[in-house]
């Protein structure tokens, strides 16, 4: 496990499906199951960005929904991969790193002091607090145990710091935030086409400092061909095939049988489609427009 995370002692994790979108640092010695998204970074600066209202607004708009409660689902290919992170100064990074660490430490400290206190409890009360609802009864107990007033203040400070890192006003509406993020995403796509990539972990992702060409190839400093990620072998047993298709659909968010088939070695859409239809019957997928399936 430690080798697979390139020496990281902890990584950022979030539930794949949850009413509230929150991110926490989790030790890499703990194995996370398939319904937890793990992001390969131990930088509390990134935890701060991901915990911001700006990123949560993006993930709610870009992600899918699941279940009777219609809970938001964090699909990393839709919510994380295309998200345009800000380009902060070192001072802004340091500020966000400190706030991210404070947020993570605060929640863990309150949960350690009150073992029955859950993050869902805390964020349910925070939602009511932001809506100016009365906090009473069990909610008042959760408010006191979780010090939810401090939790709210930490999130407010993170939101302001992230807005500052983008160079935006802190009072933007969700619609204005989304429009600006979409515009910034387009700018980043154009940058990468010109060879400028803003690596989140440059020491690991691009240790040699290679520069891409306009066609997305590595520049003259490259020491050899780029490694290509091998496709996953197609499982032999039917239960394993169903599980593999379900996991692939969860990662993609929405996909056609052809797109799912391309994730595996030596399989075709005609083998994948019946499995997707089976997942639809049991409520683990749904058919949408254009012959596509959604998680």
Protein backbone atom coordinates (compact mmCIF):
# COMPACT_ATOMS: atom_id res chain seq x y z
CA UNK A 1 0.00 0.00 0.00
CA UNK A 2 2.75 2.46 0.89
CA UNK A 3 4.66 1.64 -2.30
CA UNK A 4 1.54 2.20 -4.42
CA UNK A 5 1.21 5.74 -3.01
CA UNK A 6 4.82 6.63 -3.86
CA UNK A 7 5.90 7.04 -0.24
CA UNK A 8 2.93 9.15 0.89
CA UNK A 9 1.94 8.61 4.50
CA UNK A 10 -1.59 9.96 3.99
CA UNK A 11 -3.88 10.85 1.09
CA UNK A 12 -7.00 12.96 0.60
CA UNK A 13 -10.23 10.96 0.62
CA UNK A 14 -13.92 11.66 0.05
CA UNK A 15 -16.98 9.37 -0.09
CA UNK A 16 -18.03 8.61 -3.65
CA UNK A 17 -21.70 9.13 -2.75
CA UNK A 18 -22.70 11.42 0.12
CA UNK A 19 -25.20 14.13 0.95
CA UNK A 20 -22.38 16.48 1.94
CA UNK A 21 -19.11 16.81 0.06
CA UNK A 22 -16.18 16.81 2.48
CA UNK A 23 -12.53 15.76 2.16
CA UNK A 24 -10.27 14.29 4.85
CA UNK A 25 -6.70 13.09 5.19
CA UNK A 26 -6.52 9.31 5.64
CA UNK A 27 -3.34 7.34 6.48
CA UNK A 28 -2.19 5.16 3.59
CA UNK A 29 -1.85 2.23 5.99
CA UNK A 30 -5.66 2.11 5.91
CA UNK A 31 -7.21 0.38 2.93
CA UNK A 32 -10.08 2.37 1.39
CA UNK A 33 -12.89 0.52 -0.39
CA UNK A 34 -14.26 1.24 -3.84
CA UNK A 35 -16.88 3.72 -2.64
CA UNK A 36 -14.18 6.07 -1.35
CA UNK A 37 -12.29 8.32 -3.75
CA UNK A 38 -8.60 8.58 -2.80
CA UNK A 39 -6.51 11.43 -4.24
CA UNK A 40 -2.76 10.82 -4.27
CA UNK A 41 -1.58 13.89 -2.37
CA UNK A 42 -0.74 14.68 1.24
CA UNK A 43 -0.75 18.45 0.66
CA UNK A 44 -3.18 20.26 2.92
CA UNK A 45 -3.18 23.08 0.38
CA UNK A 46 -5.10 20.77 -1.98
CA UNK A 47 -7.33 19.66 0.87
CA UNK A 48 -8.20 23.31 1.43
CA UNK A 49 -9.01 23.90 -2.25
CA UNK A 50 -11.14 20.76 -2.48
CA UNK A 51 -13.00 21.69 0.72
CA UNK A 52 -13.93 25.11 -0.65
CA UNK A 53 -17.41 26.13 -1.74
CA UNK A 54 -15.97 26.81 -5.19
CA UNK A 55 -14.97 23.17 -5.68
CA UNK A 56 -18.11 21.81 -4.04
CA UNK A 57 -20.28 23.92 -6.37
CA UNK A 58 -18.33 22.53 -9.34
CA UNK A 59 -18.60 18.92 -8.14
CA UNK A 60 -22.36 19.21 -7.57
CA UNK A 61 -22.86 20.60 -11.07
CA UNK A 62 -20.51 18.16 -12.80
CA UNK A 63 -21.24 14.99 -10.85
CA UNK A 64 -24.18 12.62 -10.89
CA UNK A 65 -26.84 11.59 -8.35
CA UNK A 66 -27.65 8.20 -6.88
CA UNK A 67 -30.23 6.45 -4.74
CA UNK A 68 -33.58 7.25 -3.19
CA UNK A 69 -32.10 10.30 -1.51
CA UNK A 70 -30.70 11.52 -4.85
CA UNK A 71 -27.35 12.02 -3.11
CA UNK A 72 -24.47 13.68 -5.01
CA UNK A 73 -21.92 11.29 -6.46
CA UNK A 74 -18.29 12.33 -6.88
CA UNK A 75 -17.03 10.91 -10.17
CA UNK A 76 -13.33 11.70 -10.32
CA UNK A 77 -13.30 11.84 -14.12
CA UNK A 78 -15.98 14.55 -14.03
CA UNK A 79 -15.46 16.31 -10.70
CA UNK A 80 -11.71 16.17 -10.08
CA UNK A 81 -9.82 15.68 -13.37
CA UNK A 82 -11.25 18.70 -15.27
CA UNK A 83 -11.45 21.02 -12.24
CA UNK A 84 -9.28 24.09 -12.89
CA UNK A 85 -7.26 24.70 -9.73
CA UNK A 86 -6.15 28.29 -9.04
CA UNK A 87 -2.59 29.47 -9.63
CA UNK A 88 -1.80 31.00 -6.21
CA UNK A 89 1.22 32.79 -4.90
CA UNK A 90 3.36 30.97 -2.33
CA UNK A 91 1.82 33.14 0.40
CA UNK A 92 -1.68 32.16 -0.71
CA UNK A 93 -0.65 28.50 -0.83
CA UNK A 94 0.74 28.70 2.69
CA UNK A 95 -2.49 30.29 3.92
CA UNK A 96 -4.66 27.61 2.31
CA UNK A 97 -2.37 24.85 3.56
CA UNK A 98 -2.75 26.12 7.13
CA UNK A 99 -6.53 26.38 6.83
CA UNK A 100 -6.79 22.89 5.33
CA UNK A 101 -4.76 21.48 8.19
CA UNK A 102 -6.87 23.34 10.77
CA UNK A 103 -10.10 22.04 9.21
CA UNK A 104 -8.94 18.43 9.18
CA UNK A 105 -7.55 18.64 12.72
CA UNK A 106 -10.69 20.29 14.11
CA UNK A 107 -13.05 17.62 12.82
CA UNK A 108 -10.81 14.75 13.92
CA UNK A 109 -10.35 16.24 17.39
CA UNK A 110 -14.09 16.60 17.93
CA UNK A 111 -14.76 13.09 16.69
CA UNK A 112 -12.04 11.70 18.94
CA UNK A 113 -13.64 13.47 21.91
CA UNK A 114 -17.12 12.25 20.92
CA UNK A 115 -16.84 8.80 19.24
CA UNK A 116 -20.50 8.75 18.13
CA UNK A 117 -20.19 12.08 16.34
CA UNK A 118 -20.09 11.69 12.55
CA UNK A 119 -19.11 14.11 9.82
CA UNK A 120 -22.62 13.75 8.39
CA UNK A 121 -24.03 14.88 11.75
CA UNK A 122 -21.75 17.89 11.81
CA UNK A 123 -22.48 18.95 8.24
CA UNK A 124 -26.24 18.45 8.67
CA UNK A 125 -26.14 20.98 11.49
CA UNK A 126 -23.79 23.28 9.55
CA UNK A 127 -26.33 23.30 6.70
CA UNK A 128 -29.09 24.30 9.11
CA UNK A 129 -26.85 26.95 10.65
CA UNK A 130 -26.21 28.48 7.23
CA UNK A 131 -29.95 28.43 6.52
CA UNK A 132 -30.57 30.35 9.79
CA UNK A 133 -32.71 27.51 11.17
CA UNK A 134 -33.13 26.99 14.90
CA UNK A 135 -30.53 24.68 16.39
CA UNK A 136 -32.22 22.72 19.15
CA UNK A 137 -32.62 19.24 20.61
CA UNK A 138 -30.24 16.66 19.17
CA UNK A 139 -28.92 19.25 16.71
CA UNK A 140 -27.88 21.46 19.62
CA UNK A 141 -25.95 18.56 21.14
CA UNK A 142 -24.18 17.96 17.82
CA UNK A 143 -23.49 21.69 17.50
CA UNK A 144 -21.79 21.70 20.90
CA UNK A 145 -19.88 18.43 20.43
CA UNK A 146 -18.65 19.32 16.97
CA UNK A 147 -18.05 23.01 17.72
CA UNK A 148 -19.94 23.62 14.49
CA UNK A 149 -19.59 27.39 14.85
CA UNK A 150 -15.81 26.95 14.52
CA UNK A 151 -16.35 24.53 11.61
CA UNK A 152 -18.40 27.18 9.83
CA UNK A 153 -15.75 29.83 10.43
CA UNK A 154 -13.01 27.57 9.03
CA UNK A 155 -15.03 26.92 5.88
CA UNK A 156 -15.80 30.64 5.49
CA UNK A 157 -12.11 31.46 5.74
CA UNK A 158 -11.24 28.73 3.23
CA UNK A 159 -13.84 30.06 0.77
CA UNK A 160 -12.44 33.59 1.08
CA UNK A 161 -8.84 32.36 0.68
CA UNK A 162 -9.73 30.31 -2.41
CA UNK A 163 -11.55 33.28 -3.97
CA UNK A 164 -8.41 35.32 -3.32
CA UNK A 165 -6.25 32.64 -4.96
CA UNK A 166 -8.41 32.85 -8.08
CA UNK A 167 -8.38 36.65 -7.94
CA UNK A 168 -12.18 36.70 -7.67
CA UNK A 169 -14.57 38.53 -5.32
CA UNK A 170 -15.61 36.43 -2.33
CA UNK A 171 -19.28 37.31 -2.89
CA UNK A 172 -19.85 35.54 -6.23
CA UNK A 173 -23.05 33.53 -6.65
CA UNK A 174 -22.86 29.82 -7.49
CA UNK A 175 -23.84 30.60 -11.08
CA UNK A 176 -21.05 33.17 -11.38
CA UNK A 177 -18.54 30.74 -9.84
CA UNK A 178 -19.48 28.00 -12.31
CA UNK A 179 -19.27 30.30 -15.31
CA UNK A 180 -15.79 31.44 -14.25
CA UNK A 181 -14.61 27.89 -13.61
CA UNK A 182 -15.85 26.74 -17.02
CA UNK A 183 -14.06 29.67 -18.68
CA UNK A 184 -10.88 28.85 -16.75
CA UNK A 185 -11.16 25.19 -17.73
CA UNK A 186 -11.20 26.25 -21.39
CA UNK A 187 -8.11 28.37 -20.84
CA UNK A 188 -6.29 25.43 -19.25
CA UNK A 189 -7.22 23.16 -22.17
CA UNK A 190 -5.71 25.71 -24.55
CA UNK A 191 -2.59 25.97 -22.35
CA UNK A 192 -2.07 22.21 -22.38
CA UNK A 193 -2.46 22.15 -26.16
CA UNK A 194 0.47 24.61 -26.23
CA UNK A 195 2.51 22.41 -23.87
CA UNK A 196 1.95 24.14 -20.52
CA UNK A 197 0.74 21.68 -17.88
CA UNK A 198 0.07 22.83 -14.31
CA UNK A 199 1.05 19.68 -12.44
CA UNK A 200 -0.47 19.25 -8.98
CA UNK A 201 2.51 17.10 -7.88
CA UNK A 202 5.31 18.12 -10.26
CA UNK A 203 8.03 16.24 -8.34
CA UNK A 204 6.15 12.99 -8.98
CA UNK A 205 4.17 13.69 -12.18
CA UNK A 206 6.96 15.43 -14.10
CA UNK A 207 10.23 14.95 -12.17
CA UNK A 208 12.43 15.60 -15.21
CA UNK A 209 10.71 18.90 -15.99
CA UNK A 210 9.69 17.73 -19.47
CA UNK A 211 7.71 20.10 -21.66
CA UNK A 212 4.95 18.85 -23.93
CA UNK A 213 4.78 19.84 -27.58
CA UNK A 214 1.68 21.28 -29.20
CA UNK A 215 0.60 17.74 -30.05
CA UNK A 216 0.86 16.68 -26.43
CA UNK A 217 4.11 14.77 -26.87
CA UNK A 218 7.11 15.13 -24.60
CA UNK A 219 9.84 17.54 -25.65
CA UNK A 220 13.50 17.07 -26.45
CA UNK A 221 14.46 16.37 -22.84
CA UNK A 222 12.49 13.13 -22.91
CA UNK A 223 14.67 10.07 -22.27
CA UNK A 224 12.33 7.59 -23.92
CA UNK A 225 8.77 6.85 -24.96
CA UNK A 226 6.00 7.61 -22.54
CA UNK A 227 4.58 4.71 -20.60
CA UNK A 228 1.04 3.88 -21.55
CA UNK A 229 -1.40 2.66 -18.93
CA UNK A 230 -2.35 -0.94 -19.68
CA UNK A 231 -6.01 -1.79 -19.96
CA UNK A 232 -7.53 -3.87 -17.19
CA UNK A 233 -7.74 -7.59 -17.98
CA UNK A 234 -11.32 -8.73 -18.59
CA UNK A 235 -12.35 -10.94 -15.62
CA UNK A 236 -13.15 -14.60 -16.28
CA UNK A 237 -16.15 -15.12 -14.00
CA UNK A 238 -19.54 -13.43 -14.46
CA UNK A 239 -19.70 -11.91 -10.93
CA UNK A 240 -16.24 -10.40 -11.41
CA UNK A 241 -17.27 -9.03 -14.80
CA UNK A 242 -20.36 -7.38 -13.33
CA UNK A 243 -18.30 -5.84 -10.53
CA UNK A 244 -15.67 -4.60 -12.99
CA UNK A 245 -18.29 -2.98 -15.23
CA UNK A 246 -19.96 -1.35 -12.22
CA UNK A 247 -16.64 0.11 -11.03
CA UNK A 248 -15.76 1.35 -14.51
CA UNK A 249 -19.16 3.03 -14.86
CA UNK A 250 -18.75 4.64 -11.42
CA UNK A 251 -15.39 6.11 -12.48
CA UNK A 252 -16.71 7.40 -15.80
CA UNK A 253 -20.04 8.67 -14.44
CA UNK A 254 -21.87 8.06 -17.73
CA UNK A 255 -20.78 5.84 -20.61
CA UNK A 256 -21.89 3.74 -23.56
CA UNK A 257 -21.17 0.00 -23.64
CA UNK A 258 -18.42 0.76 -26.18
CA UNK A 259 -16.72 3.20 -23.79
CA UNK A 260 -16.87 0.68 -20.96
CA UNK A 261 -15.48 -2.06 -23.22
CA UNK A 262 -12.48 0.11 -24.12
CA UNK A 263 -11.45 0.08 -20.44
CA UNK A 264 -10.65 -3.66 -20.67
CA UNK A 265 -8.51 -6.06 -22.66
CA UNK A 266 -10.15 -8.36 -25.19
CA UNK A 267 -13.81 -7.53 -24.67
CA UNK A 268 -16.49 -5.94 -26.79
CA UNK A 269 -19.59 -3.81 -26.30
CA UNK A 270 -21.87 -6.78 -26.96
CA UNK A 271 -20.42 -8.48 -23.86
CA UNK A 272 -20.68 -5.35 -21.71
CA UNK A 273 -24.21 -4.23 -22.62
CA UNK A 274 -26.06 -7.16 -20.94
CA UNK A 275 -24.08 -6.52 -17.75
CA UNK A 276 -25.05 -2.85 -17.77
CA UNK A 277 -28.67 -3.86 -18.27
CA UNK A 278 -28.38 -6.22 -15.29
CA UNK A 279 -27.00 -3.38 -13.17
CA UNK A 280 -29.97 -1.27 -14.27
CA UNK A 281 -32.41 -3.93 -13.07
CA UNK A 282 -30.91 -3.97 -9.57
CA UNK A 283 -30.76 -0.17 -9.35
CA UNK A 284 -26.97 0.19 -9.65
CA UNK A 285 -27.16 1.93 -13.04
CA UNK A 286 -29.76 3.66 -15.19
CA UNK A 287 -30.24 4.06 -18.93
CA UNK A 288 -30.18 7.65 -20.16
CA UNK A 289 -30.38 9.34 -23.55
CA UNK A 290 -28.32 8.15 -26.51
CA UNK A 291 -27.87 4.58 -25.30
CA UNK A 292 -25.68 5.76 -22.43
CA UNK A 293 -25.75 4.40 -18.92
CA UNK A 294 -25.27 6.41 -15.72
CA UNK A 295 -23.98 5.22 -12.36
